């Protein structure tokens, strides 16, 4: 992540999404984008900044980082004819796991192991989500014609997955609040590092 002074100094920041997400959820995604999950040997973005106010998050990245990510995705799609199938199938497969997770692990079965398993599954889903979301902007016109139906079908299937994941986390935060001295609001406002101490 990046501090506000850095944000002001660098002039090529672009907003890539806005929505209703908890700060806790945002801190996981920022960590994966900038530290952990790789696409073609590099993290998705070098820097990411979230502005969180009244339950709404705006996510900003550097334009040059988004362009670098797009170029890597386009190269992967060009070099490997099965790459688009790999990321679209991965998005659907991992998305299905997230959507089924609350049924397999309702709150009565929730523990630290379940908590880690949820975020492990979501982090796997996330790399496919990012890849499918951004590759389309960098494909050649010929590639767009060829791959658009598959990419659109995967995006349509996955559209509710991130919201489902956030809803599950909010549900678990309610459960944890009842078991601890922390309010649901406090749990949703914690960062990844704070809650995992």
N, C-alpha and C. Protein backbone atom coordinates (compact mmCIF):
# COMPACT_ATOMS: atom_id res chain seq x y z
N UNK A 1 0.84 -1.17 0.00
CA UNK A 1 0.00 0.00 0.00
C UNK A 1 0.89 1.24 0.00
N UNK A 2 0.29 2.38 -0.11
CA UNK A 2 1.06 3.61 -0.27
C UNK A 2 0.45 4.71 0.61
N UNK A 3 1.28 5.64 1.05
CA UNK A 3 0.76 6.71 1.90
C UNK A 3 0.19 7.85 1.07
N UNK A 4 -0.56 8.73 1.73
CA UNK A 4 -1.25 9.82 1.05
C UNK A 4 -0.29 10.81 0.40
N UNK A 5 0.86 11.08 1.03
CA UNK A 5 1.83 12.00 0.44
C UNK A 5 2.34 11.47 -0.89
N UNK A 6 2.60 10.17 -0.95
CA UNK A 6 3.03 9.55 -2.21
C UNK A 6 1.94 9.66 -3.27
N UNK A 7 0.70 9.48 -2.83
CA UNK A 7 -0.44 9.59 -3.74
C UNK A 7 -0.49 10.98 -4.37
N UNK A 8 -0.26 12.01 -3.56
CA UNK A 8 -0.32 13.38 -4.05
C UNK A 8 0.84 13.71 -5.00
N UNK A 9 2.00 13.15 -4.74
CA UNK A 9 3.19 13.45 -5.56
C UNK A 9 3.13 12.81 -6.94
N UNK A 10 2.59 11.60 -7.00
CA UNK A 10 2.55 10.88 -8.26
C UNK A 10 1.25 11.21 -8.99
N UNK A 11 1.37 11.62 -10.23
CA UNK A 11 0.22 12.18 -10.94
C UNK A 11 -0.55 11.20 -11.82
N UNK A 12 -0.10 9.95 -11.88
CA UNK A 12 -0.75 9.03 -12.82
C UNK A 12 -1.66 8.01 -12.14
N UNK A 13 -2.22 8.36 -10.97
CA UNK A 13 -3.14 7.46 -10.30
C UNK A 13 -4.47 7.42 -11.04
N UNK A 14 -5.04 6.23 -11.15
CA UNK A 14 -6.37 6.07 -11.76
C UNK A 14 -7.24 5.21 -10.85
N UNK A 15 -8.52 5.56 -10.80
CA UNK A 15 -9.45 4.76 -10.00
C UNK A 15 -9.89 3.58 -10.84
N UNK A 16 -9.74 2.36 -10.28
CA UNK A 16 -10.11 1.17 -11.06
C UNK A 16 -11.40 0.53 -10.58
N UNK A 17 -11.84 0.84 -9.39
CA UNK A 17 -13.16 0.40 -8.96
C UNK A 17 -13.60 1.14 -7.71
N UNK A 18 -14.90 1.06 -7.45
CA UNK A 18 -15.49 1.66 -6.27
C UNK A 18 -16.64 0.76 -5.84
N UNK A 19 -16.80 0.55 -4.55
CA UNK A 19 -17.89 -0.30 -4.09
C UNK A 19 -17.96 -0.41 -2.59
N UNK A 20 -18.94 -1.15 -2.12
CA UNK A 20 -19.18 -1.33 -0.69
C UNK A 20 -18.36 -2.51 -0.18
N UNK A 21 -17.20 -2.20 0.40
CA UNK A 21 -16.32 -3.24 0.95
C UNK A 21 -15.81 -2.79 2.30
N UNK A 22 -15.56 -3.74 3.16
CA UNK A 22 -14.99 -3.41 4.47
C UNK A 22 -13.50 -3.11 4.32
N UNK A 23 -12.98 -2.34 5.25
CA UNK A 23 -11.55 -2.05 5.26
C UNK A 23 -10.75 -3.35 5.39
N UNK A 24 -11.28 -4.28 6.19
CA UNK A 24 -10.59 -5.56 6.36
C UNK A 24 -10.46 -6.29 5.02
N UNK A 25 -11.54 -6.32 4.27
CA UNK A 25 -11.53 -6.98 2.96
C UNK A 25 -10.54 -6.28 2.02
N UNK A 26 -10.57 -4.95 2.04
CA UNK A 26 -9.65 -4.17 1.20
C UNK A 26 -8.19 -4.48 1.51
N UNK A 27 -7.88 -4.61 2.81
CA UNK A 27 -6.48 -4.82 3.18
C UNK A 27 -5.97 -6.16 2.68
N UNK A 28 -6.86 -7.15 2.61
CA UNK A 28 -6.45 -8.44 2.01
C UNK A 28 -6.14 -8.27 0.53
N UNK A 29 -7.05 -7.61 -0.17
CA UNK A 29 -6.85 -7.46 -1.62
C UNK A 29 -5.60 -6.64 -1.93
N UNK A 30 -5.38 -5.58 -1.19
CA UNK A 30 -4.18 -4.77 -1.39
C UNK A 30 -2.92 -5.56 -1.15
N UNK A 31 -2.93 -6.42 -0.14
CA UNK A 31 -1.78 -7.26 0.17
C UNK A 31 -1.50 -8.22 -0.98
N UNK A 32 -2.54 -8.86 -1.50
CA UNK A 32 -2.34 -9.80 -2.62
C UNK A 32 -1.84 -9.09 -3.86
N UNK A 33 -2.45 -7.94 -4.16
CA UNK A 33 -2.06 -7.22 -5.37
C UNK A 33 -0.61 -6.77 -5.36
N UNK A 34 -0.13 -6.35 -4.20
CA UNK A 34 1.19 -5.72 -4.15
C UNK A 34 2.29 -6.59 -3.57
N UNK A 35 1.95 -7.68 -2.91
CA UNK A 35 2.98 -8.45 -2.21
C UNK A 35 3.03 -9.94 -2.58
N UNK A 36 1.91 -10.55 -2.82
CA UNK A 36 1.89 -12.01 -2.84
C UNK A 36 1.60 -12.62 -4.22
N UNK A 37 0.43 -12.37 -4.75
CA UNK A 37 -0.03 -13.10 -5.94
C UNK A 37 0.62 -12.56 -7.20
N UNK A 38 1.26 -13.46 -7.94
CA UNK A 38 2.01 -13.06 -9.13
C UNK A 38 1.28 -13.38 -10.43
N UNK A 39 1.48 -12.52 -11.41
CA UNK A 39 1.04 -12.76 -12.78
C UNK A 39 2.28 -12.60 -13.64
N UNK A 40 2.69 -13.67 -14.28
CA UNK A 40 3.91 -13.68 -15.10
C UNK A 40 5.12 -13.22 -14.30
N UNK A 41 5.22 -13.72 -13.07
CA UNK A 41 6.40 -13.47 -12.26
C UNK A 41 6.43 -12.15 -11.51
N UNK A 42 5.39 -11.33 -11.63
CA UNK A 42 5.36 -10.03 -10.94
C UNK A 42 4.01 -9.86 -10.26
N UNK A 43 4.02 -9.07 -9.18
CA UNK A 43 2.74 -8.78 -8.52
C UNK A 43 1.86 -7.98 -9.48
N UNK A 44 0.55 -8.04 -9.24
CA UNK A 44 -0.38 -7.36 -10.14
C UNK A 44 -0.06 -5.87 -10.23
N UNK A 45 0.16 -5.23 -9.08
CA UNK A 45 0.48 -3.80 -9.04
C UNK A 45 1.61 -3.57 -8.05
N UNK A 46 2.41 -2.55 -8.28
CA UNK A 46 3.46 -2.19 -7.32
C UNK A 46 2.87 -1.43 -6.15
N UNK A 47 1.87 -0.61 -6.43
CA UNK A 47 1.24 0.20 -5.39
C UNK A 47 -0.27 0.19 -5.59
N UNK A 48 -0.98 0.28 -4.48
CA UNK A 48 -2.43 0.41 -4.51
C UNK A 48 -2.83 1.26 -3.32
N UNK A 49 -3.83 2.09 -3.51
CA UNK A 49 -4.32 2.90 -2.39
C UNK A 49 -5.84 2.81 -2.36
N UNK A 50 -6.36 2.68 -1.14
CA UNK A 50 -7.80 2.62 -0.93
C UNK A 50 -8.23 3.86 -0.15
N UNK A 51 -9.31 4.45 -0.59
CA UNK A 51 -9.97 5.50 0.18
C UNK A 51 -11.28 4.90 0.66
N UNK A 52 -11.42 4.83 1.97
CA UNK A 52 -12.57 4.15 2.57
C UNK A 52 -13.36 5.16 3.39
N UNK A 53 -14.63 5.36 3.02
CA UNK A 53 -15.46 6.31 3.75
C UNK A 53 -16.90 5.83 3.73
N UNK A 54 -17.49 5.77 4.92
CA UNK A 54 -18.90 5.38 5.07
C UNK A 54 -19.20 4.05 4.39
N UNK A 55 -18.28 3.10 4.51
CA UNK A 55 -18.51 1.77 3.96
C UNK A 55 -18.26 1.64 2.47
N UNK A 56 -17.85 2.73 1.81
CA UNK A 56 -17.57 2.69 0.38
C UNK A 56 -16.07 2.85 0.16
N UNK A 57 -15.51 2.00 -0.68
CA UNK A 57 -14.09 2.03 -0.98
C UNK A 57 -13.87 2.44 -2.43
N UNK A 58 -12.92 3.35 -2.63
CA UNK A 58 -12.40 3.65 -3.97
C UNK A 58 -11.00 3.07 -4.03
N UNK A 59 -10.70 2.34 -5.09
CA UNK A 59 -9.39 1.72 -5.24
C UNK A 59 -8.65 2.40 -6.39
N UNK A 60 -7.43 2.86 -6.10
CA UNK A 60 -6.60 3.56 -7.08
C UNK A 60 -5.28 2.83 -7.27
N UNK A 61 -4.81 2.79 -8.51
CA UNK A 61 -3.49 2.22 -8.84
C UNK A 61 -2.79 3.19 -9.79
N UNK A 62 -1.50 2.97 -9.97
CA UNK A 62 -0.75 3.78 -10.93
C UNK A 62 -1.08 3.30 -12.34
N UNK A 63 -1.29 4.25 -13.25
CA UNK A 63 -1.62 3.91 -14.64
C UNK A 63 -0.51 3.06 -15.27
N UNK A 64 0.74 3.38 -14.95
CA UNK A 64 1.84 2.61 -15.53
C UNK A 64 1.83 1.16 -15.03
N UNK A 65 1.41 0.95 -13.78
CA UNK A 65 1.32 -0.42 -13.26
C UNK A 65 0.19 -1.19 -13.94
N UNK A 66 -0.94 -0.51 -14.15
CA UNK A 66 -2.05 -1.16 -14.85
C UNK A 66 -1.64 -1.51 -16.27
N UNK A 67 -0.92 -0.61 -16.93
CA UNK A 67 -0.44 -0.89 -18.28
C UNK A 67 0.54 -2.05 -18.32
N UNK A 68 1.42 -2.12 -17.33
CA UNK A 68 2.38 -3.22 -17.25
C UNK A 68 1.66 -4.56 -17.04
N UNK A 69 0.67 -4.56 -16.16
CA UNK A 69 -0.12 -5.76 -15.94
C UNK A 69 -0.83 -6.19 -17.23
N UNK A 70 -1.46 -5.23 -17.89
CA UNK A 70 -2.17 -5.54 -19.13
C UNK A 70 -1.25 -6.11 -20.19
N UNK A 71 -0.08 -5.55 -20.33
CA UNK A 71 0.89 -6.03 -21.32
C UNK A 71 1.31 -7.46 -21.01
N UNK A 72 1.57 -7.76 -19.73
CA UNK A 72 1.94 -9.13 -19.35
C UNK A 72 0.82 -10.11 -19.67
N UNK A 73 -0.42 -9.70 -19.38
CA UNK A 73 -1.56 -10.57 -19.68
C UNK A 73 -1.70 -10.80 -21.18
N UNK A 74 -1.52 -9.73 -21.95
CA UNK A 74 -1.63 -9.86 -23.41
C UNK A 74 -0.55 -10.77 -23.96
N UNK A 75 0.66 -10.67 -23.45
CA UNK A 75 1.76 -11.54 -23.90
C UNK A 75 1.43 -13.00 -23.56
N UNK A 76 0.92 -13.26 -22.36
CA UNK A 76 0.55 -14.63 -21.98
C UNK A 76 -0.53 -15.18 -22.91
N UNK A 77 -1.51 -14.35 -23.26
CA UNK A 77 -2.58 -14.79 -24.16
C UNK A 77 -2.07 -15.05 -25.56
N UNK A 78 -1.06 -14.29 -25.99
CA UNK A 78 -0.51 -14.46 -27.34
C UNK A 78 0.40 -15.69 -27.41
N UNK A 79 1.22 -15.88 -26.39
CA UNK A 79 2.18 -16.99 -26.40
C UNK A 79 1.52 -18.35 -26.17
N UNK A 80 0.45 -18.37 -25.40
CA UNK A 80 -0.17 -19.63 -25.02
C UNK A 80 -1.65 -19.62 -25.41
N UNK A 81 -2.02 -20.33 -26.47
CA UNK A 81 -3.41 -20.33 -26.94
C UNK A 81 -4.42 -20.80 -25.88
N UNK A 82 -3.97 -21.55 -24.89
CA UNK A 82 -4.91 -22.05 -23.88
C UNK A 82 -4.99 -21.13 -22.64
N UNK A 83 -4.26 -20.00 -22.67
CA UNK A 83 -4.21 -19.14 -21.50
C UNK A 83 -5.59 -18.58 -21.13
N UNK A 84 -6.34 -18.13 -22.10
CA UNK A 84 -7.66 -17.55 -21.81
C UNK A 84 -8.57 -18.61 -21.21
N UNK A 85 -8.52 -19.83 -21.74
CA UNK A 85 -9.31 -20.92 -21.15
C UNK A 85 -8.87 -21.20 -19.72
N UNK A 86 -7.57 -21.14 -19.49
CA UNK A 86 -7.04 -21.40 -18.14
C UNK A 86 -7.58 -20.39 -17.14
N UNK A 87 -7.55 -19.10 -17.48
CA UNK A 87 -7.98 -18.10 -16.50
C UNK A 87 -9.51 -18.05 -16.37
N UNK A 88 -10.23 -18.28 -17.45
CA UNK A 88 -11.70 -18.26 -17.34
C UNK A 88 -12.19 -19.49 -16.58
N UNK A 89 -11.61 -20.66 -16.88
CA UNK A 89 -12.00 -21.86 -16.13
C UNK A 89 -11.61 -21.74 -14.66
N UNK A 90 -10.42 -21.17 -14.41
CA UNK A 90 -9.98 -20.97 -13.03
C UNK A 90 -10.91 -20.04 -12.27
N UNK A 91 -11.35 -18.98 -12.93
CA UNK A 91 -12.26 -18.03 -12.30
C UNK A 91 -13.56 -18.72 -11.89
N UNK A 92 -14.10 -19.53 -12.77
CA UNK A 92 -15.36 -20.23 -12.49
C UNK A 92 -15.16 -21.29 -11.40
N UNK A 93 -14.09 -22.06 -11.50
CA UNK A 93 -13.83 -23.12 -10.51
C UNK A 93 -13.62 -22.55 -9.11
N UNK A 94 -12.76 -21.54 -9.01
CA UNK A 94 -12.48 -20.94 -7.71
C UNK A 94 -13.68 -20.15 -7.19
N UNK A 95 -14.41 -19.52 -8.12
CA UNK A 95 -15.62 -18.79 -7.72
C UNK A 95 -16.67 -19.72 -7.12
N UNK A 96 -16.78 -20.90 -7.69
CA UNK A 96 -17.74 -21.89 -7.17
C UNK A 96 -17.36 -22.29 -5.73
N UNK A 97 -16.07 -22.43 -5.47
CA UNK A 97 -15.63 -22.79 -4.11
C UNK A 97 -16.03 -21.71 -3.10
N UNK A 98 -15.89 -20.45 -3.51
CA UNK A 98 -16.25 -19.35 -2.60
C UNK A 98 -17.75 -19.34 -2.36
N UNK A 99 -18.52 -19.53 -3.41
CA UNK A 99 -19.97 -19.48 -3.27
C UNK A 99 -20.50 -20.63 -2.42
N UNK A 100 -19.78 -21.76 -2.43
CA UNK A 100 -20.21 -22.92 -1.64
C UNK A 100 -19.65 -22.90 -0.22
N UNK A 101 -18.67 -22.04 0.04
CA UNK A 101 -17.99 -22.03 1.34
C UNK A 101 -18.95 -21.83 2.52
N UNK A 102 -19.86 -20.86 2.47
CA UNK A 102 -20.76 -20.66 3.62
C UNK A 102 -21.63 -21.89 3.92
N UNK A 103 -21.95 -22.66 2.90
CA UNK A 103 -22.75 -23.87 3.12
C UNK A 103 -21.92 -24.96 3.80
N UNK A 104 -20.64 -25.02 3.45
CA UNK A 104 -19.76 -26.02 4.05
C UNK A 104 -19.31 -25.63 5.45
N UNK A 105 -19.18 -24.31 5.67
CA UNK A 105 -18.65 -23.82 6.94
C UNK A 105 -19.56 -22.73 7.52
N UNK A 106 -20.73 -23.11 8.01
CA UNK A 106 -21.58 -22.11 8.67
C UNK A 106 -20.92 -21.65 9.97
N UNK A 107 -21.47 -20.63 10.59
CA UNK A 107 -20.79 -20.05 11.76
C UNK A 107 -20.53 -21.04 12.89
N UNK A 108 -21.40 -22.04 13.05
CA UNK A 108 -21.18 -22.99 14.15
C UNK A 108 -19.91 -23.81 13.96
N UNK A 109 -19.42 -23.90 12.71
CA UNK A 109 -18.19 -24.63 12.43
C UNK A 109 -17.00 -23.68 12.23
N UNK A 110 -17.19 -22.40 12.52
CA UNK A 110 -16.15 -21.43 12.23
C UNK A 110 -15.07 -21.44 13.30
N UNK A 111 -13.81 -21.52 12.86
CA UNK A 111 -12.66 -21.46 13.76
C UNK A 111 -11.49 -20.86 12.99
N UNK A 112 -10.32 -20.79 13.62
CA UNK A 112 -9.16 -20.18 12.98
C UNK A 112 -8.77 -20.90 11.68
N UNK A 113 -8.86 -22.21 11.70
CA UNK A 113 -8.53 -22.99 10.49
C UNK A 113 -9.49 -22.64 9.34
N UNK A 114 -10.78 -22.53 9.67
CA UNK A 114 -11.78 -22.16 8.66
C UNK A 114 -11.50 -20.75 8.13
N UNK A 115 -11.18 -19.85 9.03
CA UNK A 115 -10.85 -18.47 8.69
C UNK A 115 -9.71 -18.43 7.67
N UNK A 116 -8.63 -19.17 7.93
CA UNK A 116 -7.49 -19.21 7.01
C UNK A 116 -7.86 -19.87 5.69
N UNK A 117 -8.65 -20.91 5.76
CA UNK A 117 -9.06 -21.62 4.54
C UNK A 117 -9.87 -20.69 3.64
N UNK A 118 -10.76 -19.91 4.23
CA UNK A 118 -11.56 -18.97 3.45
C UNK A 118 -10.67 -18.00 2.68
N UNK A 119 -9.69 -17.40 3.38
CA UNK A 119 -8.84 -16.42 2.71
C UNK A 119 -7.89 -17.08 1.72
N UNK A 120 -7.48 -18.32 1.96
CA UNK A 120 -6.65 -19.04 0.97
C UNK A 120 -7.43 -19.26 -0.32
N UNK A 121 -8.68 -19.69 -0.18
CA UNK A 121 -9.51 -19.92 -1.37
C UNK A 121 -9.76 -18.60 -2.10
N UNK A 122 -10.08 -17.56 -1.33
CA UNK A 122 -10.35 -16.28 -1.98
C UNK A 122 -9.11 -15.74 -2.68
N UNK A 123 -7.94 -15.93 -2.11
CA UNK A 123 -6.72 -15.42 -2.75
C UNK A 123 -6.44 -16.15 -4.06
N UNK A 124 -6.77 -17.43 -4.14
CA UNK A 124 -6.63 -18.16 -5.41
C UNK A 124 -7.61 -17.62 -6.44
N UNK A 125 -8.84 -17.41 -6.01
CA UNK A 125 -9.85 -16.84 -6.90
C UNK A 125 -9.41 -15.47 -7.42
N UNK A 126 -8.83 -14.69 -6.53
CA UNK A 126 -8.52 -13.30 -6.82
C UNK A 126 -7.58 -13.13 -8.02
N UNK A 127 -6.60 -14.00 -8.15
CA UNK A 127 -5.65 -13.86 -9.26
C UNK A 127 -6.34 -14.11 -10.60
N UNK A 128 -7.28 -15.04 -10.62
CA UNK A 128 -8.07 -15.27 -11.84
C UNK A 128 -8.99 -14.08 -12.12
N UNK A 129 -9.57 -13.55 -11.05
CA UNK A 129 -10.46 -12.40 -11.18
C UNK A 129 -9.72 -11.22 -11.82
N UNK A 130 -8.56 -10.90 -11.27
CA UNK A 130 -7.76 -9.78 -11.80
C UNK A 130 -7.38 -10.04 -13.25
N UNK A 131 -6.95 -11.25 -13.56
CA UNK A 131 -6.51 -11.58 -14.92
C UNK A 131 -7.64 -11.45 -15.93
N UNK A 132 -8.79 -12.02 -15.60
CA UNK A 132 -9.93 -11.96 -16.53
C UNK A 132 -10.43 -10.52 -16.67
N UNK A 133 -10.44 -9.79 -15.58
CA UNK A 133 -10.95 -8.41 -15.61
C UNK A 133 -10.12 -7.51 -16.50
N UNK A 134 -8.79 -7.65 -16.45
CA UNK A 134 -7.93 -6.68 -17.12
C UNK A 134 -7.37 -7.12 -18.46
N UNK A 135 -7.38 -8.40 -18.76
CA UNK A 135 -6.79 -8.84 -20.04
C UNK A 135 -7.54 -8.26 -21.23
N UNK A 136 -8.85 -8.13 -21.13
CA UNK A 136 -9.66 -7.69 -22.26
C UNK A 136 -9.25 -6.31 -22.78
N UNK A 137 -8.78 -5.44 -21.88
CA UNK A 137 -8.40 -4.08 -22.28
C UNK A 137 -7.11 -4.02 -23.09
N UNK A 138 -6.37 -5.13 -23.15
CA UNK A 138 -5.05 -5.12 -23.78
C UNK A 138 -4.92 -6.12 -24.92
N UNK A 139 -5.97 -6.86 -25.21
CA UNK A 139 -5.92 -7.79 -26.32
C UNK A 139 -5.97 -7.05 -27.65
N UNK A 140 -5.43 -7.67 -28.68
CA UNK A 140 -5.55 -7.10 -30.03
C UNK A 140 -7.00 -7.21 -30.48
N UNK A 141 -7.43 -6.43 -31.47
CA UNK A 141 -8.81 -6.55 -31.96
C UNK A 141 -9.16 -7.99 -32.38
N UNK A 142 -8.23 -8.67 -33.00
CA UNK A 142 -8.47 -10.06 -33.42
C UNK A 142 -8.66 -10.97 -32.20
N UNK A 143 -7.84 -10.75 -31.18
CA UNK A 143 -7.97 -11.54 -29.96
C UNK A 143 -9.29 -11.26 -29.24
N UNK A 144 -9.72 -10.01 -29.27
CA UNK A 144 -10.99 -9.66 -28.62
C UNK A 144 -12.13 -10.44 -29.27
N UNK A 145 -12.17 -10.46 -30.59
CA UNK A 145 -13.21 -11.21 -31.31
C UNK A 145 -13.18 -12.68 -30.91
N UNK A 146 -11.99 -13.23 -30.82
CA UNK A 146 -11.83 -14.65 -30.51
C UNK A 146 -12.20 -14.99 -29.07
N UNK A 147 -11.78 -14.16 -28.12
CA UNK A 147 -11.89 -14.53 -26.71
C UNK A 147 -13.03 -13.86 -25.95
N UNK A 148 -13.65 -12.83 -26.52
CA UNK A 148 -14.66 -12.08 -25.78
C UNK A 148 -15.80 -12.95 -25.23
N UNK A 149 -16.37 -13.87 -26.03
CA UNK A 149 -17.47 -14.67 -25.47
C UNK A 149 -17.07 -15.46 -24.22
N UNK A 150 -15.89 -16.04 -24.23
CA UNK A 150 -15.42 -16.82 -23.08
C UNK A 150 -15.16 -15.92 -21.88
N UNK A 151 -14.54 -14.77 -22.12
CA UNK A 151 -14.26 -13.83 -21.03
C UNK A 151 -15.55 -13.27 -20.44
N UNK A 152 -16.51 -12.94 -21.29
CA UNK A 152 -17.78 -12.40 -20.81
C UNK A 152 -18.55 -13.43 -19.99
N UNK A 153 -18.54 -14.69 -20.45
CA UNK A 153 -19.25 -15.75 -19.73
C UNK A 153 -18.65 -15.94 -18.33
N UNK A 154 -17.32 -15.93 -18.25
CA UNK A 154 -16.66 -16.09 -16.95
C UNK A 154 -16.95 -14.90 -16.04
N UNK A 155 -16.89 -13.69 -16.59
CA UNK A 155 -17.17 -12.49 -15.79
C UNK A 155 -18.61 -12.50 -15.28
N UNK A 156 -19.53 -12.92 -16.13
CA UNK A 156 -20.94 -12.96 -15.74
C UNK A 156 -21.14 -13.95 -14.59
N UNK A 157 -20.51 -15.11 -14.69
CA UNK A 157 -20.62 -16.09 -13.61
C UNK A 157 -20.01 -15.53 -12.32
N UNK A 158 -18.88 -14.89 -12.44
CA UNK A 158 -18.12 -14.45 -11.27
C UNK A 158 -18.62 -13.13 -10.68
N UNK A 159 -19.49 -12.44 -11.38
CA UNK A 159 -19.92 -11.11 -10.93
C UNK A 159 -20.34 -11.06 -9.46
N UNK A 160 -21.13 -12.02 -8.97
CA UNK A 160 -21.55 -11.93 -7.56
C UNK A 160 -20.55 -12.52 -6.56
N UNK A 161 -19.47 -13.13 -7.03
CA UNK A 161 -18.60 -13.88 -6.12
C UNK A 161 -17.93 -12.99 -5.09
N UNK A 162 -17.35 -11.88 -5.50
CA UNK A 162 -16.67 -11.02 -4.54
C UNK A 162 -17.66 -10.46 -3.53
N UNK A 163 -18.85 -10.11 -4.00
CA UNK A 163 -19.89 -9.63 -3.08
C UNK A 163 -20.28 -10.73 -2.11
N UNK A 164 -20.41 -11.97 -2.61
CA UNK A 164 -20.73 -13.10 -1.74
C UNK A 164 -19.65 -13.29 -0.68
N UNK A 165 -18.39 -13.13 -1.08
CA UNK A 165 -17.27 -13.29 -0.14
C UNK A 165 -17.33 -12.20 0.94
N UNK A 166 -17.60 -10.97 0.55
CA UNK A 166 -17.71 -9.88 1.52
C UNK A 166 -18.90 -10.12 2.44
N UNK A 167 -20.02 -10.58 1.88
CA UNK A 167 -21.20 -10.85 2.71
C UNK A 167 -20.90 -11.95 3.74
N UNK A 168 -20.16 -12.97 3.32
CA UNK A 168 -19.79 -14.04 4.25
C UNK A 168 -18.91 -13.48 5.36
N UNK A 169 -17.95 -12.63 4.98
CA UNK A 169 -17.08 -12.06 6.01
C UNK A 169 -17.89 -11.20 6.98
N UNK A 170 -18.86 -10.43 6.49
CA UNK A 170 -19.70 -9.63 7.37
C UNK A 170 -20.51 -10.52 8.31
N UNK A 171 -21.00 -11.63 7.79
CA UNK A 171 -21.75 -12.60 8.59
C UNK A 171 -20.86 -13.16 9.70
N UNK A 172 -19.63 -13.51 9.35
CA UNK A 172 -18.69 -14.05 10.34
C UNK A 172 -18.30 -12.97 11.35
N UNK A 173 -18.16 -11.73 10.90
CA UNK A 173 -17.85 -10.63 11.83
C UNK A 173 -18.95 -10.48 12.87
N UNK A 174 -20.20 -10.66 12.45
CA UNK A 174 -21.32 -10.62 13.39
C UNK A 174 -21.20 -11.75 14.41
N UNK A 175 -20.87 -12.94 13.93
CA UNK A 175 -20.69 -14.10 14.78
C UNK A 175 -19.54 -13.88 15.77
N UNK A 176 -18.40 -13.39 15.28
CA UNK A 176 -17.24 -13.17 16.14
C UNK A 176 -17.51 -12.06 17.16
N UNK A 177 -18.26 -11.06 16.76
CA UNK A 177 -18.59 -9.97 17.67
C UNK A 177 -19.36 -10.49 18.88
N UNK A 178 -20.27 -11.42 18.64
CA UNK A 178 -21.06 -11.99 19.73
C UNK A 178 -20.21 -12.84 20.67
N UNK A 179 -19.08 -13.33 20.16
CA UNK A 179 -18.21 -14.21 20.96
C UNK A 179 -17.05 -13.47 21.63
N UNK A 180 -16.85 -12.19 21.25
CA UNK A 180 -15.71 -11.43 21.76
C UNK A 180 -16.18 -10.08 22.31
N UNK A 181 -15.23 -9.26 22.70
CA UNK A 181 -15.57 -7.91 23.16
C UNK A 181 -15.51 -6.88 22.03
N UNK A 182 -15.27 -7.34 20.80
CA UNK A 182 -15.12 -6.43 19.66
C UNK A 182 -16.44 -6.29 18.92
N UNK A 183 -16.77 -5.07 18.54
CA UNK A 183 -18.00 -4.85 17.77
C UNK A 183 -17.80 -5.30 16.32
N UNK A 184 -18.89 -5.54 15.65
CA UNK A 184 -18.83 -5.91 14.23
C UNK A 184 -18.14 -4.80 13.43
N UNK A 185 -18.48 -3.56 13.73
CA UNK A 185 -17.88 -2.42 13.03
C UNK A 185 -16.37 -2.41 13.21
N UNK A 186 -15.92 -2.70 14.42
CA UNK A 186 -14.49 -2.71 14.69
C UNK A 186 -13.80 -3.84 13.90
N UNK A 187 -14.41 -5.00 13.86
CA UNK A 187 -13.84 -6.13 13.13
C UNK A 187 -13.77 -5.83 11.63
N UNK A 188 -14.80 -5.21 11.10
CA UNK A 188 -14.81 -4.88 9.67
C UNK A 188 -13.85 -3.74 9.35
N UNK A 189 -13.49 -2.96 10.36
CA UNK A 189 -12.58 -1.83 10.14
C UNK A 189 -11.13 -2.16 10.43
N UNK A 190 -10.87 -3.37 10.91
CA UNK A 190 -9.49 -3.78 11.18
C UNK A 190 -8.77 -4.06 9.87
N UNK A 191 -7.46 -3.95 9.89
CA UNK A 191 -6.68 -4.38 8.73
C UNK A 191 -6.36 -5.87 8.85
N UNK A 192 -5.88 -6.42 7.77
CA UNK A 192 -5.49 -7.83 7.76
C UNK A 192 -4.47 -8.11 8.87
N UNK A 193 -3.51 -7.24 9.01
CA UNK A 193 -2.45 -7.43 10.00
C UNK A 193 -3.02 -7.35 11.43
N UNK A 194 -3.92 -6.40 11.67
CA UNK A 194 -4.47 -6.22 13.01
C UNK A 194 -5.28 -7.43 13.46
N UNK A 195 -6.08 -7.96 12.58
CA UNK A 195 -6.97 -9.06 12.97
C UNK A 195 -6.24 -10.38 13.09
N UNK A 196 -5.11 -10.50 12.43
CA UNK A 196 -4.41 -11.77 12.46
C UNK A 196 -3.31 -11.83 13.51
N UNK A 197 -3.20 -10.79 14.34
CA UNK A 197 -2.20 -10.79 15.42
C UNK A 197 -2.59 -11.80 16.49
